[in-house]
Amino acid sequence: MTQAIRRAVIPAAGIGSRLLPLTKAIPKEMLPVGDRPVIEHTVRELVASGITDITIVVSGGKDLIQQHFRPNPALVDQLHAENKHAYAKAVQDVAELALAGHITYLDQQGPYGNGTPVLNAARGTGDEPMLVLWPDDVFVAKIPRAQQLIAAYEQTGCPVLALMPMKREDSGRYGVPEVKEDLGDGLLRISRLLEKPEPEIAPSEYAAIGGYVVTPPIVEEIQVLTERWAQHQTGEVYLTDAINAYAATRAVYGQVIAGHWYDTGNPTDYLVAQFASALAHPEYGPVLRDMVRDHESRS
């Protein structure tokens, strides 16, 4: 019987260089998608999937994240006094969301690379598996992506990666899995991940995107990579390298996520995510559609 997943890590220490100068003063995790910052989408997904212990790994200049989730009773009272009850409820809902997820914060310590925040957070989890979700991905799905990953872990008892179909010509943007076995319903056993391969050598037409179930042995592999880095002080510590080291002798699975994925980590994809979110909104969507129709009629 697999151990229940109740913990999650959100690495949020990056500087958002691909979105500069927008992210010079505003953390990329706090950029809005729809009517909430992108990191709130991730937190809501986790809480909706039954996660009760969320660690956000941060770096300097990320105080706005904590301020967003921190309760603000004075503001709530002021809004009620001004008969702005809907706004008061919206502010209070965010604080209650943080409470439901038991959000804690860690300062990232260690070498560069996305394996470091996972190792930082794992020191408090013992032998428990945990979810790792990047805060610049937004998924729209009937069943949350996190819940789909948990279901795959419960079926296999092994590490799981979130996958999405991709066009082969886009392989240079992603980690691409080599598929060893197709178990149906989007569950694939994979033998390795190839980082950003050229299309002609891409081992599949799936992209590994921002979601993982990480088990304690994967954390041990990250620790080995970190110790190796400490000896040479070069390079970065990547979660992908730890997964590949593990997959050399043990089973790793990928789950093709049912839903729509929006990346917000670069300007073009961020604008697409914004537009898609607005189109889906009952108030904003009709206005945007009218604007597009008007623009097309004049061009």
C-alpha atoms as a PDB file:
ATOM      1  CA  MET A   1       0.000   0.000   0.000  1.00  0.00           C
ATOM      2  CA  THR A   2       1.410   3.387  -1.005  1.00  0.00           C
ATOM      3  CA  GLN A   3       1.868   6.176   1.498  1.00  0.00           C
ATOM      4  CA  ALA A   4      -0.644   8.998   1.118  1.00  0.00           C
ATOM      5  CA  ILE A   5       0.693  12.233  -0.351  1.00  0.00           C
ATOM      6  CA  ARG A   6      -0.082  15.201   1.863  1.00  0.00           C
ATOM      7  CA  ARG A   7       2.960  17.436   1.249  1.00  0.00           C
ATOM      8  CA  ALA A   8       3.947  19.617  -1.684  1.00  0.00           C
ATOM      9  CA  VAL A   9       6.819  21.906  -2.639  1.00  0.00           C
ATOM     10  CA  ILE A  10       6.554  25.012  -4.801  1.00  0.00           C
ATOM     11  CA  PRO A  11      10.025  26.241  -5.880  1.00  0.00           C
ATOM     12  CA  ALA A  12       9.730  30.029  -6.116  1.00  0.00           C
ATOM     13  CA  ALA A  13      13.311  31.270  -5.826  1.00  0.00           C
ATOM     14  CA  GLY A  14      13.964  32.069  -9.502  1.00  0.00           C
ATOM     15  CA  ILE A  15      14.471  35.621 -10.727  1.00  0.00           C
ATOM     16  CA  GLY A  16      12.180  35.389 -13.756  1.00  0.00           C
ATOM     17  CA  SER A  17      14.862  36.569 -16.172  1.00  0.00           C
ATOM     18  CA  ARG A  18      12.823  35.667 -19.277  1.00  0.00           C
ATOM     19  CA  LEU A  19      10.171  38.184 -18.199  1.00  0.00           C
ATOM     20  CA  LEU A  20      12.438  41.133 -17.426  1.00  0.00           C
ATOM     21  CA  PRO A  21      11.912  44.037 -16.973  1.00  0.00           C
ATOM     22  CA  LEU A  22       8.416  43.036 -15.806  1.00  0.00           C
ATOM     23  CA  THR A  23       9.916  40.926 -13.019  1.00  0.00           C
ATOM     24  CA  LYS A  24      12.516  43.459 -11.902  1.00  0.00           C
ATOM     25  CA  ALA A  25      10.399  44.502  -8.906  1.00  0.00           C
ATOM     26  CA  ILE A  26       7.514  42.005  -9.001  1.00  0.00           C
ATOM     27  CA  PRO A  27       8.173  38.295  -8.405  1.00  0.00           C
ATOM     28  CA  LYS A  28       7.150  36.312 -11.472  1.00  0.00           C
ATOM     29  CA  GLU A  29       4.976  34.167  -9.196  1.00  0.00           C
ATOM     30  CA  MET A  30       2.895  37.262  -8.384  1.00  0.00           C
ATOM     31  CA  LEU A  31       2.108  38.223 -11.971  1.00  0.00           C
ATOM     32  CA  PRO A  32      -1.645  38.016 -12.531  1.00  0.00           C
ATOM     33  CA  VAL A  33      -3.362  35.386 -14.606  1.00  0.00           C
ATOM     34  CA  GLY A  34      -7.015  36.299 -14.587  1.00  0.00           C
ATOM     35  CA  ASP A  35      -7.975  37.824 -11.264  1.00  0.00           C
ATOM     36  CA  ARG A  36      -5.307  36.169  -9.121  1.00  0.00           C
ATOM     37  CA  PRO A  37      -1.500  35.799  -9.137  1.00  0.00           C
ATOM     38  CA  VAL A  38      -0.169  32.734 -10.876  1.00  0.00           C
ATOM     39  CA  ILE A  39       1.140  31.125  -7.674  1.00  0.00           C
ATOM     40  CA  GLU A  40      -2.350  31.228  -6.203  1.00  0.00           C
ATOM     41  CA  HIS A  41      -3.551  29.019  -9.059  1.00  0.00           C
ATOM     42  CA  THR A  42      -0.940  26.449  -7.989  1.00  0.00           C
ATOM     43  CA  VAL A  43      -1.873  26.654  -4.312  1.00  0.00           C
ATOM     44  CA  ARG A  44      -5.572  26.289  -5.119  1.00  0.00           C
ATOM     45  CA  GLU A  45      -4.825  23.238  -7.244  1.00  0.00           C
ATOM     46  CA  LEU A  46      -2.901  21.618  -4.403  1.00  0.00           C
ATOM     47  CA  VAL A  47      -5.542  22.308  -1.765  1.00  0.00           C
ATOM     48  CA  ALA A  48      -8.268  21.029  -4.114  1.00  0.00           C
ATOM     49  CA  SER A  49      -6.219  17.815  -4.462  1.00  0.00           C
ATOM     50  CA  GLY A  50      -6.087  17.161  -0.723  1.00  0.00           C
ATOM     51  CA  ILE A  51      -2.624  18.561   0.038  1.00  0.00           C
ATOM     52  CA  THR A  52      -2.422  19.854   3.614  1.00  0.00           C
ATOM     53  CA  ASP A  53       1.238  20.893   3.911  1.00  0.00           C
ATOM     54  CA  ILE A  54       2.685  23.265   1.301  1.00  0.00           C
ATOM     55  CA  THR A  55       6.263  24.560   1.417  1.00  0.00           C
ATOM     56  CA  ILE A  56       7.113  27.528  -0.794  1.00  0.00           C
ATOM     57  CA  VAL A  57      10.881  27.818  -1.295  1.00  0.00           C
ATOM     58  CA  VAL A  58      11.802  31.460  -1.843  1.00  0.00           C
ATOM     59  CA  SER A  59      14.785  33.782  -2.209  1.00  0.00           C
ATOM     60  CA  GLY A  60      15.349  37.454  -1.464  1.00  0.00           C
ATOM     61  CA  GLY A  61      12.829  39.858  -2.942  1.00  0.00           C
ATOM     62  CA  LYS A  62       9.885  37.457  -2.691  1.00  0.00           C
ATOM     63  CA  ASP A  63       8.152  39.124   0.288  1.00  0.00           C
ATOM     64  CA  LEU A  64       5.108  39.914  -1.849  1.00  0.00           C
ATOM     65  CA  ILE A  65       4.267  36.205  -1.979  1.00  0.00           C
ATOM     66  CA  GLN A  66       4.035  36.013   1.799  1.00  0.00           C
ATOM     67  CA  GLN A  67       2.122  39.284   1.966  1.00  0.00           C
ATOM     68  CA  HIS A  68      -0.428  37.975  -0.515  1.00  0.00           C
ATOM     69  CA  PHE A  69      -1.268  34.886   1.530  1.00  0.00           C
ATOM     70  CA  ARG A  70      -0.988  36.570   4.954  1.00  0.00           C
ATOM     71  CA  PRO A  71      -4.312  37.373   6.729  1.00  0.00           C
ATOM     72  CA  ASN A  72      -5.282  41.055   6.764  1.00  0.00           C
ATOM     73  CA  PRO A  73      -8.207  41.465   9.199  1.00  0.00           C
ATOM     74  CA  ALA A  74      -7.942  45.265   9.166  1.00  0.00           C
ATOM     75  CA  LEU A  75      -8.456  45.376   5.401  1.00  0.00           C
ATOM     76  CA  VAL A  76     -11.361  42.924   5.619  1.00  0.00           C
ATOM     77  CA  ASP A  77     -13.038  45.031   8.314  1.00  0.00           C
ATOM     78  CA  GLN A  78     -12.505  48.211   6.283  1.00  0.00           C
ATOM     79  CA  LEU A  79     -14.048  46.656   3.186  1.00  0.00           C
ATOM     80  CA  HIS A  80     -17.074  45.439   5.139  1.00  0.00           C
ATOM     81  CA  ALA A  81     -17.493  48.907   6.666  1.00  0.00           C
ATOM     82  CA  GLU A  82     -17.562  50.335   3.132  1.00  0.00           C
ATOM     83  CA  ASN A  83     -20.159  47.723   2.077  1.00  0.00           C
ATOM     84  CA  LYS A  84     -17.614  46.138  -0.255  1.00  0.00           C
ATOM     85  CA  HIS A  85     -18.498  42.666   0.970  1.00  0.00           C
ATOM     86  CA  ALA A  86     -17.468  40.785  -2.176  1.00  0.00           C
ATOM     87  CA  TYR A  87     -13.975  42.284  -2.017  1.00  0.00           C
ATOM     88  CA  ALA A  88     -13.753  41.491   1.697  1.00  0.00           C
ATOM     89  CA  LYS A  89     -14.670  37.878   0.994  1.00  0.00           C
ATOM     90  CA  ALA A  90     -12.067  37.649  -1.792  1.00  0.00           C
ATOM     91  CA  VAL A  91      -9.319  38.861   0.577  1.00  0.00           C
ATOM     92  CA  GLN A  92     -10.460  36.540   3.337  1.00  0.00           C
ATOM     93  CA  ASP A  93     -10.659  33.562   0.960  1.00  0.00           C
ATOM     94  CA  VAL A  94      -6.949  33.872   0.155  1.00  0.00           C
ATOM     95  CA  ALA A  95      -6.011  33.784   3.851  1.00  0.00           C
ATOM     96  CA  GLU A  96      -8.267  30.757   4.379  1.00  0.00           C
ATOM     97  CA  LEU A  97      -6.644  29.066   1.380  1.00  0.00           C
ATOM     98  CA  ALA A  98      -3.209  29.550   2.969  1.00  0.00           C
ATOM     99  CA  LEU A  99      -4.526  28.123   6.224  1.00  0.00           C
ATOM    100  CA  ALA A 100      -6.011  25.076   4.486  1.00  0.00           C
ATOM    101  CA  GLY A 101      -2.664  24.429   2.789  1.00  0.00           C
ATOM    102  CA  HIS A 102      -0.660  25.146   5.956  1.00  0.00           C
ATOM    103  CA  ILE A 103       1.757  27.209   3.866  1.00  0.00           C
ATOM    104  CA  THR A 104       5.278  27.595   5.224  1.00  0.00           C
ATOM    105  CA  TYR A 105       8.259  29.340   3.632  1.00  0.00           C
ATOM    106  CA  LEU A 106      11.902  28.334   3.288  1.00  0.00           C
ATOM    107  CA  ASP A 107      14.826  30.396   2.016  1.00  0.00           C
ATOM    108  CA  GLN A 108      16.659  28.468  -0.694  1.00  0.00           C
ATOM    109  CA  GLN A 109      20.103  27.353   0.422  1.00  0.00           C
ATOM    110  CA  GLY A 110      22.596  25.576  -1.810  1.00  0.00           C
ATOM    111  CA  PRO A 111      23.779  25.423  -5.425  1.00  0.00           C
ATOM    112  CA  TYR A 112      21.844  26.721  -8.396  1.00  0.00           C
ATOM    113  CA  GLY A 113      19.405  24.319 -10.036  1.00  0.00           C
ATOM    114  CA  ASN A 114      15.852  23.142  -9.522  1.00  0.00           C
ATOM    115  CA  GLY A 115      16.937  20.157  -7.449  1.00  0.00           C
ATOM    116  CA  THR A 116      18.050  22.411  -4.582  1.00  0.00           C
ATOM    117  CA  PRO A 117      14.609  23.654  -3.442  1.00  0.00           C
ATOM    118  CA  VAL A 118      13.334  20.077  -3.486  1.00  0.00           C
ATOM    119  CA  LEU A 119      16.201  19.004  -1.238  1.00  0.00           C
ATOM    120  CA  ASN A 120      15.674  22.017   1.043  1.00  0.00           C
ATOM    121  CA  ALA A 121      12.005  21.167   1.542  1.00  0.00           C
ATOM    122  CA  ALA A 122      12.541  17.413   1.804  1.00  0.00           C
ATOM    123  CA  ARG A 123      14.595  17.759   4.975  1.00  0.00           C
ATOM    124  CA  GLY A 124      11.340  18.212   6.864  1.00  0.00           C
ATOM    125  CA  THR A 125       9.318  15.451   5.209  1.00  0.00           C
ATOM    126  CA  GLY A 126      11.034  12.295   6.468  1.00  0.00           C
ATOM    127  CA  ASP A 127      10.129   9.253   4.399  1.00  0.00           C
ATOM    128  CA  GLU A 128       7.047  10.761   2.782  1.00  0.00           C
ATOM    129  CA  PRO A 129       6.512  11.226  -0.953  1.00  0.00           C
ATOM    130  CA  MET A 130       5.686  14.759  -2.043  1.00  0.00           C
ATOM    131  CA  LEU A 131       4.418  16.735  -4.983  1.00  0.00           C
ATOM    132  CA  VAL A 132       6.627  19.306  -6.694  1.00  0.00           C
ATOM    133  CA  LEU A 133       4.806  21.897  -8.823  1.00  0.00           C
ATOM    134  CA  TRP A 134       6.353  24.905 -10.523  1.00  0.00           C
ATOM    135  CA  PRO A 135       4.513  28.166  -9.836  1.00  0.00           C
ATOM    136  CA  ASP A 136       4.574  29.434 -13.427  1.00  0.00           C
ATOM    137  CA  ASP A 137       2.271  26.747 -14.835  1.00  0.00           C
ATOM    138  CA  VAL A 138      -1.506  27.031 -14.945  1.00  0.00           C
ATOM    139  CA  PHE A 139      -3.623  23.969 -15.697  1.00  0.00           C
ATOM    140  CA  VAL A 140      -7.296  24.036 -16.553  1.00  0.00           C
ATOM    141  CA  ALA A 141      -8.717  20.555 -16.062  1.00  0.00           C
ATOM    142  CA  LYS A 142     -11.830  18.833 -14.722  1.00  0.00           C
ATOM    143  CA  ILE A 143      -9.543  16.801 -12.462  1.00  0.00           C
ATOM    144  CA  PRO A 144      -6.633  18.919 -11.147  1.00  0.00           C
ATOM    145  CA  ARG A 145      -3.225  17.998 -12.496  1.00  0.00           C
ATOM    146  CA  ALA A 146      -2.003  17.353  -8.939  1.00  0.00           C
ATOM    147  CA  GLN A 147      -4.837  14.898  -8.379  1.00  0.00           C
ATOM    148  CA  GLN A 148      -4.001  13.093 -11.630  1.00  0.00           C
ATOM    149  CA  LEU A 149      -0.374  12.754 -10.496  1.00  0.00           C
ATOM    150  CA  ILE A 150      -1.445  11.446  -7.092  1.00  0.00           C
ATOM    151  CA  ALA A 151      -3.691   8.841  -8.746  1.00  0.00           C
ATOM    152  CA  ALA A 152      -0.774   7.650 -10.917  1.00  0.00           C
ATOM    153  CA  TYR A 153       1.445   7.371  -7.837  1.00  0.00           C
ATOM    154  CA  GLU A 154      -1.221   5.417  -5.954  1.00  0.00           C
ATOM    155  CA  GLN A 155      -1.417   3.003  -8.896  1.00  0.00           C
ATOM    156  CA  THR A 156       2.345   2.502  -9.271  1.00  0.00           C
ATOM    157  CA  GLY A 157       3.985   3.403  -5.939  1.00  0.00           C
ATOM    158  CA  CYS A 158       6.772   5.034  -7.982  1.00  0.00           C
ATOM    159  CA  PRO A 159       7.944   8.533  -8.938  1.00  0.00           C
ATOM    160  CA  VAL A 160       5.669  10.191 -11.501  1.00  0.00           C
ATOM    161  CA  LEU A 161       6.227  13.022 -13.987  1.00  0.00           C
ATOM    162  CA  ALA A 162       3.521  15.175 -15.548  1.00  0.00           C
ATOM    163  CA  LEU A 163       3.556  14.894 -19.345  1.00  0.00           C
ATOM    164  CA  MET A 164       1.771  16.685 -22.166  1.00  0.00           C
ATOM    165  CA  PRO A 165       1.741  15.865 -25.896  1.00  0.00           C
ATOM    166  CA  MET A 166       3.979  18.147 -27.946  1.00  0.00           C
ATOM    167  CA  LYS A 167       4.875  18.806 -31.546  1.00  0.00           C
ATOM    168  CA  ARG A 168       8.179  17.169 -32.342  1.00  0.00           C
ATOM    169  CA  GLU A 169       9.588  20.462 -33.628  1.00  0.00           C
ATOM    170  CA  ASP A 170       9.133  21.900 -30.119  1.00  0.00           C
ATOM    171  CA  SER A 171      11.322  19.266 -28.449  1.00  0.00           C
ATOM    172  CA  GLY A 172      14.180  21.742 -27.966  1.00  0.00           C
ATOM    173  CA  ARG A 173      12.104  23.551 -25.314  1.00  0.00           C
ATOM    174  CA  TYR A 174      11.425  20.606 -22.985  1.00  0.00           C
ATOM    175  CA  GLY A 175      12.622  17.490 -21.255  1.00  0.00           C
ATOM    176  CA  VAL A 176      11.448  14.622 -23.452  1.00  0.00           C
ATOM    177  CA  PRO A 177      10.862  11.137 -22.002  1.00  0.00           C
ATOM    178  CA  GLU A 178      11.892   7.871 -23.553  1.00  0.00           C
ATOM    179  CA  VAL A 179       8.822   5.658 -23.246  1.00  0.00           C
ATOM    180  CA  LYS A 180       9.463   2.083 -22.173  1.00  0.00           C
ATOM    181  CA  GLU A 181       5.853   0.890 -21.811  1.00  0.00           C
ATOM    182  CA  ASP A 182       2.349   2.276 -22.365  1.00  0.00           C
ATOM    183  CA  LEU A 183      -0.006   1.114 -19.628  1.00  0.00           C
ATOM    184  CA  GLY A 184      -3.086   2.902 -20.975  1.00  0.00           C
ATOM    185  CA  ASP A 185      -5.075   5.905 -19.740  1.00  0.00           C
ATOM    186  CA  GLY A 186      -2.046   8.135 -20.268  1.00  0.00           C
ATOM    187  CA  LEU A 187       0.192   6.223 -17.855  1.00  0.00           C
ATOM    188  CA  LEU A 188       3.639   5.543 -19.351  1.00  0.00           C
ATOM    189  CA  ARG A 189       6.688   3.838 -17.900  1.00  0.00           C
ATOM    190  CA  ILE A 190       9.722   5.879 -18.890  1.00  0.00           C
ATOM    191  CA  SER A 191      13.388   4.967 -18.918  1.00  0.00           C
ATOM    192  CA  ARG A 192      14.957   8.451 -18.999  1.00  0.00           C
ATOM    193  CA  LEU A 193      14.467  12.114 -19.791  1.00  0.00           C
ATOM    194  CA  LEU A 194      16.439  13.821 -22.528  1.00  0.00           C
ATOM    195  CA  GLU A 195      16.789  17.566 -21.927  1.00  0.00           C
ATOM    196  CA  LYS A 196      15.872  19.776 -24.880  1.00  0.00           C
ATOM    197  CA  PRO A 197      16.815  17.354 -27.675  1.00  0.00           C
ATOM    198  CA  GLU A 198      16.825  18.268 -31.332  1.00  0.00           C
ATOM    199  CA  PRO A 199      13.634  17.053 -33.064  1.00  0.00           C
ATOM    200  CA  GLU A 200      15.436  14.321 -35.011  1.00  0.00           C
ATOM    201  CA  ILE A 201      16.673  12.636 -31.825  1.00  0.00           C
ATOM    202  CA  ALA A 202      13.682  13.319 -29.539  1.00  0.00           C
ATOM    203  CA  PRO A 203      12.730   9.910 -28.070  1.00  0.00           C
ATOM    204  CA  SER A 204       8.956  10.633 -27.987  1.00  0.00           C
ATOM    205  CA  GLU A 205       6.344  13.284 -28.670  1.00  0.00           C
ATOM    206  CA  TYR A 206       5.706  14.060 -25.015  1.00  0.00           C
ATOM    207  CA  ALA A 207       7.045  16.944 -22.951  1.00  0.00           C
ATOM    208  CA  ALA A 208       7.786  16.749 -19.244  1.00  0.00           C
ATOM    209  CA  ILE A 209       6.136  19.823 -17.763  1.00  0.00           C
ATOM    210  CA  GLY A 210       5.935  21.274 -14.268  1.00  0.00           C
ATOM    211  CA  GLY A 211       4.714  18.492 -12.036  1.00  0.00           C
ATOM    212  CA  TYR A 212       6.314  15.590 -10.175  1.00  0.00           C
ATOM    213  CA  VAL A 213       5.673  13.057  -7.463  1.00  0.00           C
ATOM    214  CA  VAL A 214       9.062  12.819  -5.774  1.00  0.00           C
ATOM    215  CA  THR A 215       9.823   9.864  -3.497  1.00  0.00           C
ATOM    216  CA  PRO A 216      12.558   9.667  -0.809  1.00  0.00           C
ATOM    217  CA  PRO A 217      14.982   7.733  -3.075  1.00  0.00           C
ATOM    218  CA  ILE A 218      14.813  10.598  -5.606  1.00  0.00           C
ATOM    219  CA  VAL A 219      15.710  12.978  -2.786  1.00  0.00           C
ATOM    220  CA  GLU A 220      18.683  10.736  -1.985  1.00  0.00           C
ATOM    221  CA  GLU A 221      19.825  11.069  -5.605  1.00  0.00           C
ATOM    222  CA  ILE A 222      19.578  14.875  -5.312  1.00  0.00           C
ATOM    223  CA  GLN A 223      21.703  14.677  -2.169  1.00  0.00           C
ATOM    224  CA  VAL A 224      24.350  12.696  -4.062  1.00  0.00           C
ATOM    225  CA  LEU A 225      24.370  15.309  -6.831  1.00  0.00           C
ATOM    226  CA  THR A 226      24.660  18.090  -4.251  1.00  0.00           C
ATOM    227  CA  GLU A 227      27.610  16.412  -2.540  1.00  0.00           C
ATOM    228  CA  ARG A 228      29.273  15.971  -5.913  1.00  0.00           C
ATOM    229  CA  TRP A 229      28.675  19.651  -6.672  1.00  0.00           C
ATOM    230  CA  ALA A 230      30.264  20.612  -3.325  1.00  0.00           C
ATOM    231  CA  GLN A 231      33.471  18.873  -4.373  1.00  0.00           C
ATOM    232  CA  HIS A 232      33.808  20.744  -7.661  1.00  0.00           C
ATOM    233  CA  GLN A 233      31.660  23.902  -7.221  1.00  0.00           C
ATOM    234  CA  THR A 234      30.626  23.825 -10.887  1.00  0.00           C
ATOM    235  CA  GLY A 235      27.365  23.349 -12.723  1.00  0.00           C
ATOM    236  CA  GLU A 236      23.885  23.108 -11.241  1.00  0.00           C
ATOM    237  CA  VAL A 237      21.848  20.481  -9.408  1.00  0.00           C
ATOM    238  CA  TYR A 238      18.914  19.385 -11.559  1.00  0.00           C
ATOM    239  CA  LEU A 239      15.909  17.299 -10.579  1.00  0.00           C
ATOM    240  CA  THR A 240      16.032  15.729 -14.049  1.00  0.00           C
ATOM    241  CA  ASP A 241      19.531  14.342 -13.367  1.00  0.00           C
ATOM    242  CA  ALA A 242      18.325  12.791 -10.115  1.00  0.00           C
ATOM    243  CA  ILE A 243      15.349  11.203 -11.883  1.00  0.00           C
ATOM    244  CA  ASN A 244      17.585   9.786 -14.622  1.00  0.00           C
ATOM    245  CA  ALA A 245      19.979   8.328 -12.066  1.00  0.00           C
ATOM    246  CA  TYR A 246      17.051   6.690 -10.291  1.00  0.00           C
ATOM    247  CA  ALA A 247      15.444   5.460 -13.523  1.00  0.00           C
ATOM    248  CA  ALA A 248      18.636   3.633 -14.530  1.00  0.00           C
ATOM    249  CA  THR A 249      17.727   0.822 -12.118  1.00  0.00           C
ATOM    250  CA  ARG A 250      14.171   1.490 -10.924  1.00  0.00           C
ATOM    251  CA  ALA A 251      10.751   2.290 -12.343  1.00  0.00           C
ATOM    252  CA  VAL A 252       9.663   5.847 -13.118  1.00  0.00           C
ATOM    253  CA  TYR A 253       6.315   6.726 -14.686  1.00  0.00           C
ATOM    254  CA  GLY A 254       4.863   9.613 -16.627  1.00  0.00           C
ATOM    255  CA  GLN A 255       1.214  10.618 -16.534  1.00  0.00           C
ATOM    256  CA  VAL A 256      -0.174  12.422 -19.571  1.00  0.00           C
ATOM    257  CA  ILE A 257      -2.286  15.158 -18.028  1.00  0.00           C
ATOM    258  CA  ALA A 258      -5.864  15.549 -19.247  1.00  0.00           C
ATOM    259  CA  GLY A 259      -6.487  19.271 -19.537  1.00  0.00           C
ATOM    260  CA  HIS A 260      -5.037  22.487 -20.916  1.00  0.00           C
ATOM    261  CA  TRP A 261      -1.601  23.695 -19.878  1.00  0.00           C
ATOM    262  CA  TYR A 262      -0.578  27.350 -19.902  1.00  0.00           C
ATOM    263  CA  ASP A 263       3.046  28.297 -19.271  1.00  0.00           C
ATOM    264  CA  THR A 264       3.679  31.805 -17.940  1.00  0.00           C
ATOM    265  CA  GLY A 265       7.473  31.715 -17.898  1.00  0.00           C
ATOM    266  CA  ASN A 266       8.077  33.760 -21.063  1.00  0.00           C
ATOM    267  CA  PRO A 267       6.319  36.811 -22.556  1.00  0.00           C
ATOM    268  CA  THR A 268       4.454  35.078 -25.389  1.00  0.00           C
ATOM    269  CA  ASP A 269       3.131  32.190 -23.299  1.00  0.00           C
ATOM    270  CA  TYR A 270       2.285  34.558 -20.462  1.00  0.00           C
ATOM    271  CA  LEU A 271       0.114  36.635 -22.801  1.00  0.00           C
ATOM    272  CA  VAL A 272      -1.568  33.466 -24.091  1.00  0.00           C
ATOM    273  CA  ALA A 273      -2.329  32.383 -20.508  1.00  0.00           C
ATOM    274  CA  GLN A 274      -3.733  35.814 -19.730  1.00  0.00           C
ATOM    275  CA  PHE A 275      -5.912  35.841 -22.818  1.00  0.00           C
ATOM    276  CA  ALA A 276      -7.182  32.293 -22.285  1.00  0.00           C
ATOM    277  CA  SER A 277      -8.072  33.064 -18.674  1.00  0.00           C
ATOM    278  CA  ALA A 278      -9.909  36.223 -19.658  1.00  0.00           C
ATOM    279  CA  LEU A 279     -11.820  34.455 -22.440  1.00  0.00           C
ATOM    280  CA  ALA A 280     -13.040  31.843 -19.948  1.00  0.00           C
ATOM    281  CA  HIS A 281     -14.292  34.511 -17.522  1.00  0.00           C
ATOM    282  CA  PRO A 282     -18.080  35.090 -17.684  1.00  0.00           C
ATOM    283  CA  GLU A 283     -17.701  38.876 -17.463  1.00  0.00           C
ATOM    284  CA  TYR A 284     -14.454  39.538 -19.349  1.00  0.00           C
ATOM    285  CA  GLY A 285     -14.832  36.899 -22.080  1.00  0.00           C
ATOM    286  CA  PRO A 286     -17.721  38.509 -24.019  1.00  0.00           C
ATOM    287  CA  VAL A 287     -15.979  41.902 -23.942  1.00  0.00           C
ATOM    288  CA  LEU A 288     -12.778  40.444 -25.399  1.00  0.00           C
ATOM    289  CA  ARG A 289     -14.629  38.500 -28.080  1.00  0.00           C
ATOM    290  CA  ASP A 290     -16.433  41.672 -29.150  1.00  0.00           C
ATOM    291  CA  MET A 291     -13.109  43.515 -29.232  1.00  0.00           C
ATOM    292  CA  VAL A 292     -11.512  40.818 -31.430  1.00  0.00           C
ATOM    293  CA  ARG A 293     -14.483  40.791 -33.811  1.00  0.00           C
ATOM    294  CA  ASP A 294     -14.349  44.592 -34.062  1.00  0.00           C
ATOM    295  CA  HIS A 295     -10.611  44.494 -34.745  1.00  0.00           C
ATOM    296  CA  GLU A 296     -11.022  41.845 -37.469  1.00  0.00           C
ATOM    297  CA  SER A 297     -13.814  43.779 -39.151  1.00  0.00           C
ATOM    298  CA  ARG A 298     -11.572  46.860 -39.394  1.00  0.00           C
ATOM    299  CA  SER A 299      -8.461  45.062 -40.643  1.00  0.00           C
END
